Amino acid sequence: QTPDGFTRRGLDLDALRMYLAWRGASFAALRADPEEFRDPASIPAET
């Protein structure tokens, strides 16, 4: 899925876990406050 509908080439879930580990964040926290996580200023200086 994408915001526009069906796709065969969506986000790889391994890449998602890599992204979360890079940010040092939990998936639950990201879902709870997407606006904060969407802002790149919320990313720690040291990833």
PDB file of all heavy atoms in Angstrom:
ATOM      1  N   GLN A   1       0.822  -1.204   0.000  1.00  0.00           N
ATOM      2  CA  GLN A   1       0.000   0.000   0.000  1.00  0.00           C
ATOM      3  C   GLN A   1       0.858   1.256   0.000  1.00  0.00           C
ATOM      4  O   GLN A   1       1.957   1.268   0.553  1.00  0.00           O
ATOM      5  CB  GLN A   1      -0.901   0.050   1.244  1.00  0.00           C
ATOM      6  CG  GLN A   1      -1.960  -1.022   1.316  1.00  0.00           C
ATOM      7  CD  GLN A   1      -2.697  -0.997   2.640  1.00  0.00           C
ATOM      8  OE1 GLN A   1      -2.777  -1.997   3.335  1.00  0.00           O
ATOM      9  NE2 GLN A   1      -3.233   0.170   3.014  1.00  0.00           N
ATOM     10  N   THR A   2       0.331   2.294  -0.624  1.00  0.00           N
ATOM     11  CA  THR A   2       0.831   3.655  -0.494  1.00  0.00           C
ATOM     12  C   THR A   2      -0.390   4.510  -0.163  1.00  0.00           C
ATOM     13  O   THR A   2      -1.529   4.009  -0.183  1.00  0.00           O
ATOM     14  CB  THR A   2       1.466   4.153  -1.810  1.00  0.00           C
ATOM     15  OG1 THR A   2       0.438   4.336  -2.788  1.00  0.00           O
ATOM     16  CG2 THR A   2       2.506   3.175  -2.330  1.00  0.00           C
ATOM     17  N   PRO A   3      -0.223   5.783   0.130  1.00  0.00           N
ATOM     18  CA  PRO A   3      -1.399   6.631   0.367  1.00  0.00           C
ATOM     19  C   PRO A   3      -2.360   6.672  -0.814  1.00  0.00           C
ATOM     20  O   PRO A   3      -3.542   6.965  -0.650  1.00  0.00           O
ATOM     21  CB  PRO A   3      -0.778   8.018   0.617  1.00  0.00           C
ATOM     22  CG  PRO A   3       0.572   7.712   1.177  1.00  0.00           C
ATOM     23  CD  PRO A   3       1.026   6.495   0.434  1.00  0.00           C
ATOM     24  N   ASP A   4      -1.851   6.330  -2.010  1.00  0.00           N
ATOM     25  CA  ASP A   4      -2.698   6.357  -3.207  1.00  0.00           C
ATOM     26  C   ASP A   4      -3.346   5.019  -3.527  1.00  0.00           C
ATOM     27  O   ASP A   4      -4.144   4.927  -4.464  1.00  0.00           O
ATOM     28  CB  ASP A   4      -1.869   6.812  -4.417  1.00  0.00           C
ATOM     29  CG  ASP A   4      -1.354   8.230  -4.254  1.00  0.00           C
ATOM     30  OD1 ASP A   4      -2.083   9.050  -3.671  1.00  0.00           O
ATOM     31  OD2 ASP A   4      -0.215   8.497  -4.683  1.00  0.00           O
ATOM     32  N   GLY A   5      -2.997   3.960  -2.782  1.00  0.00           N
ATOM     33  CA  GLY A   5      -3.622   2.664  -3.038  1.00  0.00           C
ATOM     34  C   GLY A   5      -2.611   1.544  -3.186  1.00  0.00           C
ATOM     35  O   GLY A   5      -1.498   1.591  -2.641  1.00  0.00           O
ATOM     36  N   PHE A   6      -2.979   0.515  -3.958  1.00  0.00           N
ATOM     37  CA  PHE A   6      -2.200  -0.719  -4.104  1.00  0.00           C
ATOM     38  C   PHE A   6      -0.885  -0.466  -4.840  1.00  0.00           C
ATOM     39  O   PHE A   6      -0.818   0.310  -5.789  1.00  0.00           O
ATOM     40  CB  PHE A   6      -3.032  -1.755  -4.859  1.00  0.00           C
ATOM     41  CG  PHE A   6      -2.263  -2.992  -5.244  1.00  0.00           C
ATOM     42  CD1 PHE A   6      -2.006  -3.980  -4.318  1.00  0.00           C
ATOM     43  CD2 PHE A   6      -1.789  -3.150  -6.546  1.00  0.00           C
ATOM     44  CE1 PHE A   6      -1.300  -5.118  -4.671  1.00  0.00           C
ATOM     45  CE2 PHE A   6      -1.083  -4.285  -6.910  1.00  0.00           C
ATOM     46  CZ  PHE A   6      -0.842  -5.277  -5.966  1.00  0.00           C
ATOM     47  N   THR A   7       0.164  -1.158  -4.392  1.00  0.00           N
ATOM     48  CA  THR A   7       1.447  -1.146  -5.086  1.00  0.00           C
ATOM     49  C   THR A   7       2.158  -2.461  -4.829  1.00  0.00           C
ATOM     50  O   THR A   7       1.973  -3.085  -3.780  1.00  0.00           O
ATOM     51  CB  THR A   7       2.341   0.012  -4.615  1.00  0.00           C
ATOM     52  OG1 THR A   7       3.581  -0.034  -5.343  1.00  0.00           O
ATOM     53  CG2 THR A   7       2.649  -0.084  -3.134  1.00  0.00           C
ATOM     54  N   ARG A   8       2.952  -2.889  -5.779  1.00  0.00           N
ATOM     55  CA  ARG A   8       3.770  -4.088  -5.579  1.00  0.00           C
ATOM     56  C   ARG A   8       5.130  -3.752  -4.975  1.00  0.00           C
ATOM     57  O   ARG A   8       5.853  -4.636  -4.559  1.00  0.00           O
ATOM     58  CB  ARG A   8       3.985  -4.815  -6.916  1.00  0.00           C
ATOM     59  CG  ARG A   8       2.734  -5.461  -7.485  1.00  0.00           C
ATOM     60  CD  ARG A   8       3.045  -6.107  -8.826  1.00  0.00           C
ATOM     61  NE  ARG A   8       1.887  -6.788  -9.378  1.00  0.00           N
ATOM     62  CZ  ARG A   8       1.572  -8.057  -9.148  1.00  0.00           C
ATOM     63  NH1 ARG A   8       2.350  -8.788  -8.372  1.00  0.00           N
ATOM     64  NH2 ARG A   8       0.506  -8.607  -9.691  1.00  0.00           N
ATOM     65  N   ARG A   9       5.487  -2.488  -4.976  1.00  0.00           N
ATOM     66  CA  ARG A   9       6.816  -2.087  -4.520  1.00  0.00           C
ATOM     67  C   ARG A   9       6.720  -1.116  -3.359  1.00  0.00           C
ATOM     68  O   ARG A   9       7.226  -0.002  -3.388  1.00  0.00           O
ATOM     69  CB  ARG A   9       7.589  -1.442  -5.673  1.00  0.00           C
ATOM     70  CG  ARG A   9       7.850  -2.366  -6.854  1.00  0.00           C
ATOM     71  CD  ARG A   9       8.818  -3.465  -6.494  1.00  0.00           C
ATOM     72  NE  ARG A   9      10.119  -2.946  -6.115  1.00  0.00           N
ATOM     73  CZ  ARG A   9      11.101  -3.690  -5.639  1.00  0.00           C
ATOM     74  NH1 ARG A   9      10.912  -4.981  -5.402  1.00  0.00           N
ATOM     75  NH2 ARG A   9      12.266  -3.150  -5.332  1.00  0.00           N
ATOM     76  N   GLY A  10       6.046  -1.534  -2.303  1.00  0.00           N
ATOM     77  CA  GLY A  10       5.931  -0.702  -1.126  1.00  0.00           C
ATOM     78  C   GLY A  10       7.148  -0.797  -0.227  1.00  0.00           C
ATOM     79  O   GLY A  10       8.160  -1.414  -0.571  1.00  0.00           O
ATOM     80  N   LEU A  11       7.029  -0.199   0.939  1.00  0.00           N
ATOM     81  CA  LEU A  11       8.132  -0.148   1.895  1.00  0.00           C
ATOM     82  C   LEU A  11       8.551  -1.543   2.350  1.00  0.00           C
ATOM     83  O   LEU A  11       7.723  -2.355   2.771  1.00  0.00           O
ATOM     84  CB  LEU A  11       7.709   0.685   3.114  1.00  0.00           C
ATOM     85  CG  LEU A  11       8.666   0.725   4.300  1.00  0.00           C
ATOM     86  CD1 LEU A  11       9.996   1.342   3.908  1.00  0.00           C
ATOM     87  CD2 LEU A  11       8.035   1.476   5.463  1.00  0.00           C
ATOM     88  N   ASP A  12       9.832  -1.843   2.274  1.00  0.00           N
ATOM     89  CA  ASP A  12      10.379  -3.090   2.788  1.00  0.00           C
ATOM     90  C   ASP A  12      10.395  -3.020   4.308  1.00  0.00           C
ATOM     91  O   ASP A  12      10.875  -2.032   4.890  1.00  0.00           O
ATOM     92  CB  ASP A  12      11.795  -3.306   2.247  1.00  0.00           C
ATOM     93  CG  ASP A  12      12.332  -4.684   2.575  1.00  0.00           C
ATOM     94  OD1 ASP A  12      12.603  -4.950   3.768  1.00  0.00           O
ATOM     95  OD2 ASP A  12      12.487  -5.500   1.653  1.00  0.00           O
ATOM     96  N   LEU A  13       9.882  -4.049   4.962  1.00  0.00           N
ATOM     97  CA  LEU A  13       9.774  -4.018   6.419  1.00  0.00           C
ATOM     98  C   LEU A  13      11.129  -4.127   7.111  1.00  0.00           C
ATOM     99  O   LEU A  13      11.287  -3.688   8.251  1.00  0.00           O
ATOM    100  CB  LEU A  13       8.824  -5.117   6.897  1.00  0.00           C
ATOM    101  CG  LEU A  13       7.386  -4.996   6.369  1.00  0.00           C
ATOM    102  CD1 LEU A  13       6.510  -6.103   6.940  1.00  0.00           C
ATOM    103  CD2 LEU A  13       6.800  -3.620   6.706  1.00  0.00           C
ATOM    104  N   ASP A  14      12.111  -4.719   6.449  1.00  0.00           N
ATOM    105  CA  ASP A  14      13.470  -4.680   6.991  1.00  0.00           C
ATOM    106  C   ASP A  14      13.981  -3.243   7.028  1.00  0.00           C
ATOM    107  O   ASP A  14      14.640  -2.827   7.982  1.00  0.00           O
ATOM    108  CB  ASP A  14      14.410  -5.531   6.123  1.00  0.00           C
ATOM    109  CG  ASP A  14      14.307  -7.010   6.431  1.00  0.00           C
ATOM    110  OD1 ASP A  14      13.627  -7.361   7.409  1.00  0.00           O
ATOM    111  OD2 ASP A  14      14.890  -7.823   5.702  1.00  0.00           O
ATOM    112  N   ALA A  15      13.672  -2.487   5.970  1.00  0.00           N
ATOM    113  CA  ALA A  15      14.087  -1.079   5.923  1.00  0.00           C
ATOM    114  C   ALA A  15      13.389  -0.277   7.015  1.00  0.00           C
ATOM    115  O   ALA A  15      13.980   0.643   7.600  1.00  0.00           O
ATOM    116  CB  ALA A  15      13.783  -0.486   4.548  1.00  0.00           C
ATOM    117  N   LEU A  16      12.145  -0.611   7.302  1.00  0.00           N
ATOM    118  CA  LEU A  16      11.425   0.057   8.390  1.00  0.00           C
ATOM    119  C   LEU A  16      12.133  -0.170   9.717  1.00  0.00           C
ATOM    120  O   LEU A  16      12.331   0.769  10.504  1.00  0.00           O
ATOM    121  CB  LEU A  16       9.988  -0.466   8.464  1.00  0.00           C
ATOM    122  CG  LEU A  16       9.172  -0.025   9.687  1.00  0.00           C
ATOM    123  CD1 LEU A  16       8.976   1.487   9.689  1.00  0.00           C
ATOM    124  CD2 LEU A  16       7.824  -0.751   9.723  1.00  0.00           C
ATOM    125  N   ARG A  17      12.520  -1.411   9.994  1.00  0.00           N
ATOM    126  CA  ARG A  17      13.219  -1.697  11.251  1.00  0.00           C
ATOM    127  C   ARG A  17      14.572  -0.983  11.303  1.00  0.00           C
ATOM    128  O   ARG A  17      15.005  -0.517  12.363  1.00  0.00           O
ATOM    129  CB  ARG A  17      13.389  -3.207  11.427  1.00  0.00           C
ATOM    130  CG  ARG A  17      12.120  -3.913  11.881  1.00  0.00           C
ATOM    131  CD  ARG A  17      12.352  -5.397  12.115  1.00  0.00           C
ATOM    132  NE  ARG A  17      12.481  -6.120  10.859  1.00  0.00           N
ATOM    133  CZ  ARG A  17      11.461  -6.643  10.195  1.00  0.00           C
ATOM    134  NH1 ARG A  17      10.236  -6.536  10.667  1.00  0.00           N
ATOM    135  NH2 ARG A  17      11.660  -7.300   9.064  1.00  0.00           N
ATOM    136  N   MET A  18      15.247  -0.895  10.166  1.00  0.00           N
ATOM    137  CA  MET A  18      16.508  -0.159  10.121  1.00  0.00           C
ATOM    138  C   MET A  18      16.285   1.313  10.450  1.00  0.00           C
ATOM    139  O   MET A  18      17.073   1.921  11.195  1.00  0.00           O
ATOM    140  CB  MET A  18      17.144  -0.292   8.732  1.00  0.00           C
ATOM    141  CG  MET A  18      17.657  -1.683   8.404  1.00  0.00           C
ATOM    142  SD  MET A  18      18.261  -1.812   6.689  1.00  0.00           S
ATOM    143  CE  MET A  18      19.664  -0.695   6.732  1.00  0.00           C
ATOM    144  N   TYR A  19      15.224   1.880   9.918  1.00  0.00           N
ATOM    145  CA  TYR A  19      14.906   3.291  10.157  1.00  0.00           C
ATOM    146  C   TYR A  19      14.612   3.534  11.633  1.00  0.00           C
ATOM    147  O   TYR A  19      15.097   4.506  12.232  1.00  0.00           O
ATOM    148  CB  TYR A  19      13.704   3.675   9.296  1.00  0.00           C
ATOM    149  CG  TYR A  19      13.154   5.060   9.552  1.00  0.00           C
ATOM    150  CD1 TYR A  19      13.791   6.188   9.045  1.00  0.00           C
ATOM    151  CD2 TYR A  19      11.984   5.233  10.299  1.00  0.00           C
ATOM    152  CE1 TYR A  19      13.286   7.466   9.284  1.00  0.00           C
ATOM    153  CE2 TYR A  19      11.463   6.503  10.531  1.00  0.00           C
ATOM    154  CZ  TYR A  19      12.118   7.615  10.029  1.00  0.00           C
ATOM    155  OH  TYR A  19      11.599   8.865  10.264  1.00  0.00           O
ATOM    156  N   LEU A  20      13.829   2.651  12.240  1.00  0.00           N
ATOM    157  CA  LEU A  20      13.497   2.798  13.659  1.00  0.00           C
ATOM    158  C   LEU A  20      14.740   2.671  14.530  1.00  0.00           C
ATOM    159  O   LEU A  20      14.927   3.426  15.495  1.00  0.00           O
ATOM    160  CB  LEU A  20      12.452   1.762  14.064  1.00  0.00           C
ATOM    161  CG  LEU A  20      11.054   1.929  13.462  1.00  0.00           C
ATOM    162  CD1 LEU A  20      10.201   0.706  13.765  1.00  0.00           C
ATOM    163  CD2 LEU A  20      10.379   3.198  13.981  1.00  0.00           C
ATOM    164  N   ALA A  21      15.598   1.703  14.200  1.00  0.00           N
ATOM    165  CA  ALA A  21      16.831   1.539  14.971  1.00  0.00           C
ATOM    166  C   ALA A  21      17.727   2.762  14.817  1.00  0.00           C
ATOM    167  O   ALA A  21      18.350   3.221  15.778  1.00  0.00           O
ATOM    168  CB  ALA A  21      17.564   0.285  14.508  1.00  0.00           C
ATOM    169  N   TRP A  22      17.775   3.310  13.616  1.00  0.00           N
ATOM    170  CA  TRP A  22      18.580   4.505  13.343  1.00  0.00           C
ATOM    171  C   TRP A  22      18.118   5.690  14.172  1.00  0.00           C
ATOM    172  O   TRP A  22      18.925   6.441  14.716  1.00  0.00           O
ATOM    173  CB  TRP A  22      18.500   4.793  11.846  1.00  0.00           C
ATOM    174  CG  TRP A  22      19.118   6.078  11.400  1.00  0.00           C
ATOM    175  CD1 TRP A  22      20.450   6.341  11.248  1.00  0.00           C
ATOM    176  CD2 TRP A  22      18.421   7.279  11.015  1.00  0.00           C
ATOM    177  NE1 TRP A  22      20.633   7.626  10.795  1.00  0.00           N
ATOM    178  CE2 TRP A  22      19.406   8.230  10.632  1.00  0.00           C
ATOM    179  CE3 TRP A  22      17.076   7.630  10.937  1.00  0.00           C
ATOM    180  CZ2 TRP A  22      19.068   9.514  10.206  1.00  0.00           C
ATOM    181  CZ3 TRP A  22      16.738   8.906  10.498  1.00  0.00           C
ATOM    182  CH2 TRP A  22      17.733   9.842  10.146  1.00  0.00           C
ATOM    183  N   ARG A  23      16.794   5.842  14.301  1.00  0.00           N
ATOM    184  CA  ARG A  23      16.242   6.935  15.104  1.00  0.00           C
ATOM    185  C   ARG A  23      16.271   6.622  16.599  1.00  0.00           C
ATOM    186  O   ARG A  23      16.095   7.519  17.426  1.00  0.00           O
ATOM    187  CB  ARG A  23      14.794   7.215  14.699  1.00  0.00           C
ATOM    188  CG  ARG A  23      14.635   7.828  13.332  1.00  0.00           C
ATOM    189  CD  ARG A  23      13.242   8.371  13.112  1.00  0.00           C
ATOM    190  NE  ARG A  23      12.946   9.507  13.981  1.00  0.00           N
ATOM    191  CZ  ARG A  23      12.212  10.558  13.621  1.00  0.00           C
ATOM    192  NH1 ARG A  23      11.698  10.618  12.399  1.00  0.00           N
ATOM    193  NH2 ARG A  23      11.977  11.544  14.452  1.00  0.00           N
ATOM    194  N   GLY A  24      16.445   5.354  16.954  1.00  0.00           N
ATOM    195  CA  GLY A  24      16.364   4.973  18.355  1.00  0.00           C
ATOM    196  C   GLY A  24      14.958   5.086  18.877  1.00  0.00           C
ATOM    197  O   GLY A  24      14.723   5.499  20.015  1.00  0.00           O
ATOM    198  N   ALA A  25      13.983   4.713  18.044  1.00  0.00           N
ATOM    199  CA  ALA A  25      12.574   4.921  18.372  1.00  0.00           C
ATOM    200  C   ALA A  25      11.802   3.611  18.282  1.00  0.00           C
ATOM    201  O   ALA A  25      12.180   2.693  17.562  1.00  0.00           O
ATOM    202  CB  ALA A  25      11.958   5.948  17.418  1.00  0.00           C
ATOM    203  N   SER A  26      10.702   3.548  19.001  1.00  0.00           N
ATOM    204  CA  SER A  26       9.808   2.399  18.911  1.00  0.00           C
ATOM    205  C   SER A  26       8.722   2.674  17.875  1.00  0.00           C
ATOM    206  O   SER A  26       8.356   3.833  17.631  1.00  0.00           O
ATOM    207  CB  SER A  26       9.166   2.093  20.258  1.00  0.00           C
ATOM    208  OG  SER A  26       8.202   3.081  20.579  1.00  0.00           O
ATOM    209  N   PHE A  27       8.207   1.620  17.293  1.00  0.00           N
ATOM    210  CA  PHE A  27       7.142   1.769  16.305  1.00  0.00           C
ATOM    211  C   PHE A  27       5.871   2.285  16.969  1.00  0.00           C
ATOM    212  O   PHE A  27       5.114   3.070  16.385  1.00  0.00           O
ATOM    213  CB  PHE A  27       6.887   0.418  15.621  1.00  0.00           C
ATOM    214  CG  PHE A  27       5.884   0.466  14.504  1.00  0.00           C
ATOM    215  CD1 PHE A  27       6.051   1.332  13.437  1.00  0.00           C
ATOM    216  CD2 PHE A  27       4.767  -0.356  14.525  1.00  0.00           C
ATOM    217  CE1 PHE A  27       5.130   1.377  12.396  1.00  0.00           C
ATOM    218  CE2 PHE A  27       3.846  -0.322  13.488  1.00  0.00           C
ATOM    219  CZ  PHE A  27       4.023   0.544  12.425  1.00  0.00           C
ATOM    220  N   ALA A  28       5.628   1.854  18.204  1.00  0.00           N
ATOM    221  CA  ALA A  28       4.442   2.318  18.929  1.00  0.00           C
ATOM    222  C   ALA A  28       4.485   3.826  19.129  1.00  0.00           C
ATOM    223  O   ALA A  28       3.475   4.530  18.985  1.00  0.00           O
ATOM    224  CB  ALA A  28       4.341   1.601  20.271  1.00  0.00           C
ATOM    225  N   ALA A  29       5.674   4.353  19.467  1.00  0.00           N
ATOM    226  CA  ALA A  29       5.802   5.792  19.670  1.00  0.00           C
ATOM    227  C   ALA A  29       5.598   6.545  18.362  1.00  0.00           C
ATOM    228  O   ALA A  29       4.976   7.611  18.334  1.00  0.00           O
ATOM    229  CB  ALA A  29       7.182   6.109  20.249  1.00  0.00           C
ATOM    230  N   LEU A  30       6.104   6.014  17.283  1.00  0.00           N
ATOM    231  CA  LEU A  30       5.936   6.654  15.975  1.00  0.00           C
ATOM    232  C   LEU A  30       4.468   6.733  15.587  1.00  0.00           C
ATOM    233  O   LEU A  30       3.982   7.756  15.106  1.00  0.00           O
ATOM    234  CB  LEU A  30       6.734   5.886  14.921  1.00  0.00           C
ATOM    235  CG  LEU A  30       6.727   6.438  13.499  1.00  0.00           C
ATOM    236  CD1 LEU A  30       8.099   6.252  12.845  1.00  0.00           C
ATOM    237  CD2 LEU A  30       5.673   5.727  12.634  1.00  0.00           C
ATOM    238  N   ARG A  31       3.727   5.646  15.833  1.00  0.00           N
ATOM    239  CA  ARG A  31       2.290   5.642  15.514  1.00  0.00           C
ATOM    240  C   ARG A  31       1.510   6.566  16.451  1.00  0.00           C
ATOM    241  O   ARG A  31       0.489   7.133  16.053  1.00  0.00           O
ATOM    242  CB  ARG A  31       1.733   4.216  15.601  1.00  0.00           C
ATOM    243  CG  ARG A  31       1.943   3.428  14.317  1.00  0.00           C
ATOM    244  CD  ARG A  31       1.418   2.020  14.398  1.00  0.00           C
ATOM    245  NE  ARG A  31       0.055   1.897  14.887  1.00  0.00           N
ATOM    246  CZ  ARG A  31      -1.039   2.100  14.144  1.00  0.00           C
ATOM    247  NH1 ARG A  31      -0.920   2.457  12.877  1.00  0.00           N
ATOM    248  NH2 ARG A  31      -2.232   1.928  14.674  1.00  0.00           N
ATOM    249  N   ALA A  32       1.991   6.703  17.680  1.00  0.00           N
ATOM    250  CA  ALA A  32       1.265   7.527  18.645  1.00  0.00           C
ATOM    251  C   ALA A  32       1.385   9.016  18.344  1.00  0.00           C
ATOM    252  O   ALA A  32       0.460   9.788  18.607  1.00  0.00           O
ATOM    253  CB  ALA A  32       1.775   7.244  20.061  1.00  0.00           C
ATOM    254  N   ASP A  33       2.526   9.422  17.771  1.00  0.00           N
ATOM    255  CA  ASP A  33       2.722  10.857  17.503  1.00  0.00           C
ATOM    256  C   ASP A  33       3.391  11.043  16.144  1.00  0.00           C
ATOM    257  O   ASP A  33       4.556  11.435  16.050  1.00  0.00           O
ATOM    258  CB  ASP A  33       3.580  11.475  18.606  1.00  0.00           C
ATOM    259  CG  ASP A  33       3.538  13.001  18.583  1.00  0.00           C
ATOM    260  OD1 ASP A  33       2.915  13.566  17.654  1.00  0.00           O
ATOM    261  OD2 ASP A  33       4.134  13.626  19.481  1.00  0.00           O
ATOM    262  N   PRO A  34       2.686  10.742  15.059  1.00  0.00           N
ATOM    263  CA  PRO A  34       3.296  10.822  13.729  1.00  0.00           C
ATOM    264  C   PRO A  34       3.744  12.224  13.347  1.00  0.00           C
ATOM    265  O   PRO A  34       4.722  12.377  12.615  1.00  0.00           O
ATOM    266  CB  PRO A  34       2.193  10.304  12.797  1.00  0.00           C
ATOM    267  CG  PRO A  34       0.923  10.485  13.551  1.00  0.00           C
ATOM    268  CD  PRO A  34       1.281  10.290  14.981  1.00  0.00           C
ATOM    269  N   GLU A  35       3.049  13.254  13.828  1.00  0.00           N
ATOM    270  CA  GLU A  35       3.422  14.621  13.474  1.00  0.00           C
ATOM    271  C   GLU A  35       4.820  14.961  13.985  1.00  0.00           C
ATOM    272  O   GLU A  35       5.610  15.619  13.298  1.00  0.00           O
ATOM    273  CB  GLU A  35       2.395  15.615  14.023  1.00  0.00           C
ATOM    274  CG  GLU A  35       1.079  15.636  13.258  1.00  0.00           C
ATOM    275  CD  GLU A  35       1.252  16.096  11.819  1.00  0.00           C
ATOM    276  OE1 GLU A  35       2.199  16.861  11.542  1.00  0.00           O
ATOM    277  OE2 GLU A  35       0.465  15.676  10.966  1.00  0.00           O
ATOM    278  N   GLU A  36       5.109  14.537  15.208  1.00  0.00           N
ATOM    279  CA  GLU A  36       6.446  14.800  15.754  1.00  0.00           C
ATOM    280  C   GLU A  36       7.505  14.064  14.950  1.00  0.00           C
ATOM    281  O   GLU A  36       8.548  14.642  14.604  1.00  0.00           O
ATOM    282  CB  GLU A  36       6.524  14.362  17.219  1.00  0.00           C
ATOM    283  CG  GLU A  36       7.924  14.553  17.808  1.00  0.00           C
ATOM    284  CD  GLU A  36       8.059  13.969  19.201  1.00  0.00           C
ATOM    285  OE1 GLU A  36       7.046  13.513  19.756  1.00  0.00           O
ATOM    286  OE2 GLU A  36       9.183  13.976  19.717  1.00  0.00           O
ATOM    287  N   PHE A  37       7.254  12.794  14.637  1.00  0.00           N
ATOM    288  CA  PHE A  37       8.248  11.993  13.933  1.00  0.00           C
ATOM    289  C   PHE A  37       8.404  12.421  12.475  1.00  0.00           C
ATOM    290  O   PHE A  37       9.457  12.223  11.878  1.00  0.00           O
ATOM    291  CB  PHE A  37       7.881  10.508  14.011  1.00  0.00           C
ATOM    292  CG  PHE A  37       8.261   9.874  15.315  1.00  0.00           C
ATOM    293  CD1 PHE A  37       7.431   9.991  16.418  1.00  0.00           C
ATOM    294  CD2 PHE A  37       9.448   9.186  15.452  1.00  0.00           C
ATOM    295  CE1 PHE A  37       7.768   9.420  17.634  1.00  0.00           C
ATOM    296  CE2 PHE A  37       9.805   8.607  16.655  1.00  0.00           C
ATOM    297  CZ  PHE A  37       8.964   8.726  17.762  1.00  0.00           C
ATOM    298  N   ARG A  38       7.365  12.995  11.928  1.00  0.00           N
ATOM    299  CA  ARG A  38       7.427  13.465  10.548  1.00  0.00           C
ATOM    300  C   ARG A  38       8.364  14.672  10.424  1.00  0.00           C
ATOM    301  O   ARG A  38       8.983  14.894   9.389  1.00  0.00           O
ATOM    302  CB  ARG A  38       6.022  13.842  10.073  1.00  0.00           C
ATOM    303  CG  ARG A  38       5.967  14.340   8.634  1.00  0.00           C
ATOM    304  CD  ARG A  38       4.517  14.576   8.233  1.00  0.00           C
ATOM    305  NE  ARG A  38       4.446  15.273   6.961  1.00  0.00           N
ATOM    306  CZ  ARG A  38       4.468  16.598   6.825  1.00  0.00           C
ATOM    307  NH1 ARG A  38       4.549  17.358   7.899  1.00  0.00           N
ATOM    308  NH2 ARG A  38       4.407  17.151   5.629  1.00  0.00           N
ATOM    309  N   ASP A  39       8.515  15.419  11.498  1.00  0.00           N
ATOM    310  CA  ASP A  39       9.384  16.587  11.506  1.00  0.00           C
ATOM    311  C   ASP A  39      10.835  16.129  11.654  1.00  0.00           C
ATOM    312  O   ASP A  39      11.203  15.543  12.674  1.00  0.00           O
ATOM    313  CB  ASP A  39       9.005  17.505  12.668  1.00  0.00           C
ATOM    314  CG  ASP A  39       9.785  18.807  12.659  1.00  0.00           C
ATOM    315  OD1 ASP A  39      10.747  18.925  11.865  1.00  0.00           O
ATOM    316  OD2 ASP A  39       9.435  19.695  13.453  1.00  0.00           O
ATOM    317  N   PRO A  40      11.686  16.373  10.669  1.00  0.00           N
ATOM    318  CA  PRO A  40      13.081  15.910  10.773  1.00  0.00           C
ATOM    319  C   PRO A  40      13.839  16.526  11.935  1.00  0.00           C
ATOM    320  O   PRO A  40      14.872  15.985  12.352  1.00  0.00           O
ATOM    321  CB  PRO A  40      13.683  16.327   9.420  1.00  0.00           C
ATOM    322  CG  PRO A  40      12.804  17.420   8.914  1.00  0.00           C
ATOM    323  CD  PRO A  40      11.430  17.102   9.419  1.00  0.00           C
ATOM    324  N   ALA A  41      13.349  17.639  12.477  1.00  0.00           N
ATOM    325  CA  ALA A  41      14.008  18.251  13.630  1.00  0.00           C
ATOM    326  C   ALA A  41      13.926  17.365  14.863  1.00  0.00           C
ATOM    327  O   ALA A  41      14.672  17.561  15.829  1.00  0.00           O
ATOM    328  CB  ALA A  41      13.376  19.619  13.923  1.00  0.00           C
ATOM    329  N   SER A  42      12.994  16.384  14.856  1.00  0.00           N
ATOM    330  CA  SER A  42      12.852  15.498  16.016  1.00  0.00           C
ATOM    331  C   SER A  42      13.898  14.390  16.036  1.00  0.00           C
ATOM    332  O   SER A  42      14.006  13.648  17.014  1.00  0.00           O
ATOM    333  CB  SER A  42      11.457  14.863  16.012  1.00  0.00           C
ATOM    334  OG  SER A  42      11.296  13.993  14.898  1.00  0.00           O
ATOM    335  N   ILE A  43      14.667  14.268  14.966  1.00  0.00           N
ATOM    336  CA  ILE A  43      15.687  13.218  14.905  1.00  0.00           C
ATOM    337  C   ILE A  43      16.871  13.625  15.770  1.00  0.00           C
ATOM    338  O   ILE A  43      17.345  14.763  15.686  1.00  0.00           O
ATOM    339  CB  ILE A  43      16.153  12.990  13.451  1.00  0.00           C
ATOM    340  CG1 ILE A  43      14.976  12.569  12.584  1.00  0.00           C
ATOM    341  CG2 ILE A  43      17.252  11.931  13.392  1.00  0.00           C
ATOM    342  CD1 ILE A  43      15.299  12.481  11.110  1.00  0.00           C
ATOM    343  N   PRO A  44      17.355  12.734  16.626  1.00  0.00           N
ATOM    344  CA  PRO A  44      18.500  13.083  17.478  1.00  0.00           C
ATOM    345  C   PRO A  44      19.717  13.479  16.648  1.00  0.00           C
ATOM    346  O   PRO A  44      19.909  12.998  15.530  1.00  0.00           O
ATOM    347  CB  PRO A  44      18.765  11.791  18.263  1.00  0.00           C
ATOM    348  CG  PRO A  44      17.497  11.006  18.168  1.00  0.00           C
ATOM    349  CD  PRO A  44      16.876  11.365  16.866  1.00  0.00           C
ATOM    350  N   ALA A  45      20.534  14.368  17.196  1.00  0.00           N
ATOM    351  CA  ALA A  45      21.758  14.780  16.505  1.00  0.00           C
ATOM    352  C   ALA A  45      22.679  13.586  16.285  1.00  0.00           C
ATOM    353  O   ALA A  45      23.320  13.457  15.239  1.00  0.00           O
ATOM    354  CB  ALA A  45      22.468  15.871  17.309  1.00  0.00           C
ATOM    355  N   GLU A  46      22.733  12.702  17.281  1.00  0.00           N
ATOM    356  CA  GLU A  46      23.534  11.483  17.175  1.00  0.00           C
ATOM    357  C   GLU A  46      22.592  10.312  16.939  1.00  0.00           C
ATOM    358  O   GLU A  46      21.867   9.900  17.845  1.00  0.00           O
ATOM    359  CB  GLU A  46      24.355  11.265  18.443  1.00  0.00           C
ATOM    360  CG  GLU A  46      25.424  12.314  18.698  1.00  0.00           C
ATOM    361  CD  GLU A  46      26.524  12.282  17.654  1.00  0.00           C
ATOM    362  OE1 GLU A  46      26.806  11.164  17.138  1.00  0.00           O
ATOM    363  OE2 GLU A  46      27.090  13.341  17.352  1.00  0.00           O
ATOM    364  N   THR A  47      22.588   9.815  15.733  1.00  0.00           N
ATOM    365  CA  THR A  47      21.737   8.664  15.407  1.00  0.00           C
ATOM    366  C   THR A  47      22.473   7.367  15.699  1.00  0.00           C
ATOM    367  O   THR A  47      23.662   7.370  16.043  1.00  0.00           O
ATOM    368  CB  THR A  47      21.303   8.717  13.938  1.00  0.00           C
ATOM    369  OG1 THR A  47      22.469   8.844  13.106  1.00  0.00           O
ATOM    370  CG2 THR A  47      20.379   9.901  13.685  1.00  0.00           C
TER     371      THR A  47
END
